[in-house]
Amino acid sequence: MSFHSGSFGMHARQARNHPVLVLVAGLLALGAAAFYHGFTPQASAAIPIAIAAQGDPQPIKFDGCTVFTSADAAQVLGVPVRTSPLGTVGCAYEAAKETSPNGWHRNTAVNIFKYKSASDEASAWDDQKILKGLRPGRKNLTVLSGVGSEAYMQILPSLGAFEGEVWVHKSLSHFRLVEVSEQAPSPDALKAAAQKIAAKLP
């Protein structure tokens, strides 16, 4: 009797534990599937990457400091400058000494966007124009002549300072030149710097 009761208890425990075992087995299977898919997405993941690259052209890495030197920056800011880092497509400088009582340094930077083909550049430039609202007749925006194939400038107050910005488009590249200063930037200095940069780009 004790043997049968013990055997019955063992079977009862197995029966009670069976759903738990099924659940654990199911979770392990899901985990294994997730593990498998987590390490084998390359073939499918390459498709959205390729589509994104086709729909949104990526600029070529380019050292902006080769076309915008510290001497150029000093002419824009009107004071001696020092270099500061700004990612892979730009070049930035700031005044070597403080230019305002609160310890702030006026600064300037250029962001270069260079592409492999004219069609990629045209697509990227059109996107940038929409994003930045670059169009003739827009308030506070000046169309520049003699700089690239298309260029715009704006100078506006910005958080207690002034920001001057020039956007220039060429056949294989476009760029943004910006100056942030405690005083209104010189439009002539910004245009001259933009012309110099544009002359060095395709």
Protein backbone atom coordinates (compact mmCIF):
# COMPACT_ATOMS: atom_id res chain seq x y z
CA MET A 1 0.00 0.00 0.00
CA SER A 2 2.77 2.29 0.91
CA PHE A 3 4.50 1.47 -2.38
CA HIS A 4 1.38 2.25 -4.39
CA SER A 5 0.67 5.42 -2.43
CA GLY A 6 4.26 6.49 -2.89
CA SER A 7 4.09 5.68 -6.59
CA PHE A 8 0.86 7.60 -6.90
CA GLY A 9 2.41 10.59 -5.12
CA MET A 10 5.37 10.53 -7.50
CA HIS A 11 3.09 10.42 -10.56
CA ALA A 12 0.93 13.15 -9.08
CA ARG A 13 3.96 15.36 -8.60
CA GLN A 14 5.07 14.64 -12.18
CA ALA A 15 1.62 15.53 -13.45
CA ARG A 16 1.62 18.77 -11.48
CA ASN A 17 5.11 19.62 -12.70
CA HIS A 18 4.37 18.82 -16.36
CA PRO A 19 2.87 22.24 -17.24
CA VAL A 20 5.87 23.89 -15.58
CA LEU A 21 8.25 21.78 -17.63
CA VAL A 22 6.34 22.64 -20.79
CA LEU A 23 6.49 26.33 -19.92
CA VAL A 24 10.23 26.17 -19.20
CA ALA A 25 10.83 24.26 -22.42
CA GLY A 26 8.80 26.82 -24.35
CA LEU A 27 10.75 29.72 -22.85
CA LEU A 28 14.04 27.99 -23.65
CA ALA A 29 12.89 27.48 -27.23
CA LEU A 30 11.94 31.15 -27.52
CA GLY A 31 15.26 32.14 -26.01
CA ALA A 32 17.13 29.93 -28.44
CA ALA A 33 15.19 31.39 -31.36
CA ALA A 34 15.93 34.91 -30.16
CA PHE A 35 19.59 33.98 -29.72
CA TYR A 36 19.69 32.54 -33.22
CA HIS A 37 18.00 35.53 -34.82
CA GLY A 38 20.12 37.91 -32.77
CA PHE A 39 23.25 36.53 -34.38
CA THR A 40 21.97 36.00 -37.93
CA PRO A 41 20.41 39.33 -39.01
CA GLN A 42 23.18 40.47 -41.31
CA ALA A 43 21.56 39.41 -44.57
CA SER A 44 18.22 41.06 -43.80
CA ALA A 45 19.69 44.03 -41.92
CA ALA A 46 21.76 44.96 -44.98
CA ILE A 47 18.55 45.65 -46.91
CA PRO A 48 17.27 48.56 -44.78
CA ILE A 49 20.79 49.95 -44.55
CA ALA A 50 21.10 49.89 -48.34
CA ILE A 51 17.66 51.43 -48.74
CA ALA A 52 18.49 54.18 -46.24
CA ALA A 53 21.75 54.89 -48.08
CA GLN A 54 19.93 55.14 -51.41
CA GLY A 55 17.15 57.33 -50.03
CA ASP A 56 19.42 59.54 -47.94
CA PRO A 57 22.90 59.96 -49.49
CA GLN A 58 25.74 59.89 -46.98
CA PRO A 59 28.55 62.45 -47.21
CA ILE A 60 32.16 61.39 -47.69
CA LYS A 61 34.44 61.90 -44.70
CA PHE A 62 36.33 65.10 -45.28
CA ASP A 63 38.70 67.21 -43.19
CA GLY A 64 37.10 70.64 -43.20
CA CYS A 65 40.25 72.22 -41.75
CA THR A 66 41.95 71.73 -45.12
CA VAL A 67 39.67 74.39 -46.59
CA PHE A 68 39.04 76.52 -43.49
CA THR A 69 42.29 77.29 -41.68
CA SER A 70 42.97 79.07 -38.43
CA ALA A 71 44.05 82.12 -40.46
CA ASP A 72 40.66 82.08 -42.23
CA ALA A 73 38.87 81.79 -38.90
CA ALA A 74 40.87 84.67 -37.45
CA GLN A 75 39.75 86.86 -40.35
CA VAL A 76 36.12 85.92 -39.70
CA LEU A 77 36.28 86.52 -35.94
CA GLY A 78 38.70 89.44 -36.03
CA VAL A 79 40.86 87.97 -33.24
CA PRO A 80 43.50 85.23 -32.85
CA VAL A 81 41.92 81.78 -32.61
CA ARG A 82 42.51 78.24 -31.38
CA THR A 83 41.13 74.99 -32.76
CA SER A 84 38.26 73.05 -31.16
CA PRO A 85 36.92 69.63 -32.30
CA LEU A 86 33.65 69.31 -34.25
CA GLY A 87 33.14 65.73 -35.52
CA THR A 88 34.06 64.21 -38.86
CA VAL A 89 32.71 66.71 -41.40
CA GLY A 90 33.50 70.01 -39.73
CA CYS A 91 36.21 72.30 -38.45
CA ALA A 92 35.73 74.70 -35.55
CA TYR A 93 37.69 77.53 -33.99
CA GLU A 94 37.16 79.85 -31.05
CA ALA A 95 38.79 83.06 -29.91
CA ALA A 96 42.06 82.31 -28.13
CA LYS A 97 41.07 84.71 -25.35
CA GLU A 98 37.76 85.61 -23.75
CA THR A 99 35.73 88.08 -25.79
CA SER A 100 33.07 88.96 -23.23
CA PRO A 101 33.03 89.79 -19.50
CA ASN A 102 31.39 86.46 -18.60
CA GLY A 103 34.32 84.46 -19.96
CA TRP A 104 32.72 83.54 -23.29
CA HIS A 105 34.73 83.05 -26.51
CA ARG A 106 33.30 84.02 -29.89
CA ASN A 107 33.57 81.11 -32.32
CA THR A 108 33.20 79.97 -35.89
CA ALA A 109 32.86 76.64 -37.66
CA VAL A 110 32.35 75.11 -41.06
CA ASN A 111 30.50 71.88 -41.80
CA ILE A 112 31.40 70.30 -45.14
CA PHE A 113 29.07 67.82 -46.87
CA LYS A 114 30.84 66.27 -49.84
CA TYR A 115 29.28 63.57 -52.04
CA LYS A 116 30.38 61.03 -54.63
CA SER A 117 27.97 62.20 -57.34
CA ALA A 118 26.16 65.34 -58.40
CA SER A 119 22.81 63.57 -58.00
CA ASP A 120 23.61 62.70 -54.37
CA GLU A 121 24.62 66.28 -53.66
CA ALA A 122 21.52 67.68 -55.38
CA SER A 123 19.29 65.39 -53.30
CA ALA A 124 21.05 66.27 -50.04
CA TRP A 125 21.00 69.99 -50.85
CA ASP A 126 17.28 69.92 -51.63
CA ASP A 127 16.66 68.23 -48.26
CA GLN A 128 18.78 70.83 -46.49
CA LYS A 129 16.95 73.71 -48.17
CA ILE A 130 13.62 72.35 -46.98
CA LEU A 131 14.94 71.71 -43.47
CA LYS A 132 16.50 75.18 -43.12
CA GLY A 133 13.90 77.10 -45.13
CA LEU A 134 16.47 78.32 -47.65
CA ARG A 135 14.47 80.10 -50.34
CA PRO A 136 14.58 83.52 -51.97
CA GLY A 137 12.28 86.07 -50.34
CA ARG A 138 12.30 84.49 -46.89
CA LYS A 139 12.50 87.02 -44.05
CA ASN A 140 16.02 87.70 -42.70
CA LEU A 141 17.58 85.61 -45.46
CA THR A 142 19.88 87.09 -48.12
CA VAL A 143 20.64 85.43 -51.44
CA LEU A 144 24.37 85.68 -52.14
CA SER A 145 25.82 86.01 -55.61
CA GLY A 146 29.32 84.97 -56.63
CA VAL A 147 29.52 82.15 -54.06
CA GLY A 148 29.14 78.62 -55.43
CA SER A 149 26.11 77.87 -57.58
CA GLU A 150 23.61 78.84 -54.85
CA ALA A 151 24.17 80.53 -51.50
CA TYR A 152 22.25 82.14 -48.64
CA MET A 153 23.17 84.19 -45.56
CA GLN A 154 21.34 85.14 -42.40
CA ILE A 155 22.44 87.05 -39.29
CA LEU A 156 20.15 86.86 -36.27
CA PRO A 157 20.21 87.50 -32.50
CA SER A 158 20.75 84.23 -30.62
CA LEU A 159 20.58 83.82 -26.82
CA GLY A 160 22.17 87.14 -25.99
CA ALA A 161 24.64 86.94 -28.87
CA PHE A 162 24.50 87.00 -32.67
CA GLU A 163 24.70 84.13 -35.12
CA GLY A 164 25.77 84.58 -38.71
CA GLU A 165 25.21 81.64 -41.03
CA VAL A 166 26.09 81.02 -44.69
CA TRP A 167 24.91 78.00 -46.71
CA VAL A 168 26.64 77.31 -50.03
CA HIS A 169 25.88 74.70 -52.71
CA LYS A 170 28.26 73.42 -55.39
CA SER A 171 28.12 70.51 -57.83
CA LEU A 172 29.51 67.82 -55.48
CA SER A 173 29.32 69.48 -52.09
CA HIS A 174 27.62 72.00 -49.88
CA PHE A 175 28.68 73.60 -46.63
CA ARG A 176 27.53 75.67 -43.69
CA LEU A 177 29.75 78.43 -42.32
CA VAL A 178 28.64 79.86 -38.98
CA GLU A 179 29.89 82.55 -36.64
CA VAL A 180 28.60 83.13 -33.10
CA SER A 181 29.71 86.38 -31.53
CA GLU A 182 28.83 88.88 -28.82
CA GLN A 183 28.63 91.48 -31.59
CA ALA A 184 26.91 91.36 -34.97
CA PRO A 185 29.10 89.43 -37.46
CA SER A 186 30.40 91.20 -40.54
CA PRO A 187 28.45 90.09 -43.65
CA ASP A 188 31.45 90.98 -45.85
CA ALA A 189 33.84 88.86 -43.76
CA LEU A 190 31.47 85.89 -43.80
CA LYS A 191 30.93 86.14 -47.54
CA ALA A 192 34.68 86.45 -48.22
CA ALA A 193 35.36 83.36 -46.09
CA ALA A 194 32.57 81.45 -47.84
CA GLN A 195 33.97 82.37 -51.26
CA LYS A 196 37.41 81.12 -50.21
CA ILE A 197 36.02 77.81 -48.97
CA ALA A 198 33.83 77.34 -52.05
CA ALA A 199 36.82 77.86 -54.35
CA LYS A 200 38.51 74.82 -52.76
CA LEU A 201 35.54 72.45 -53.07
CA PRO A 202 34.13 70.58 -56.08
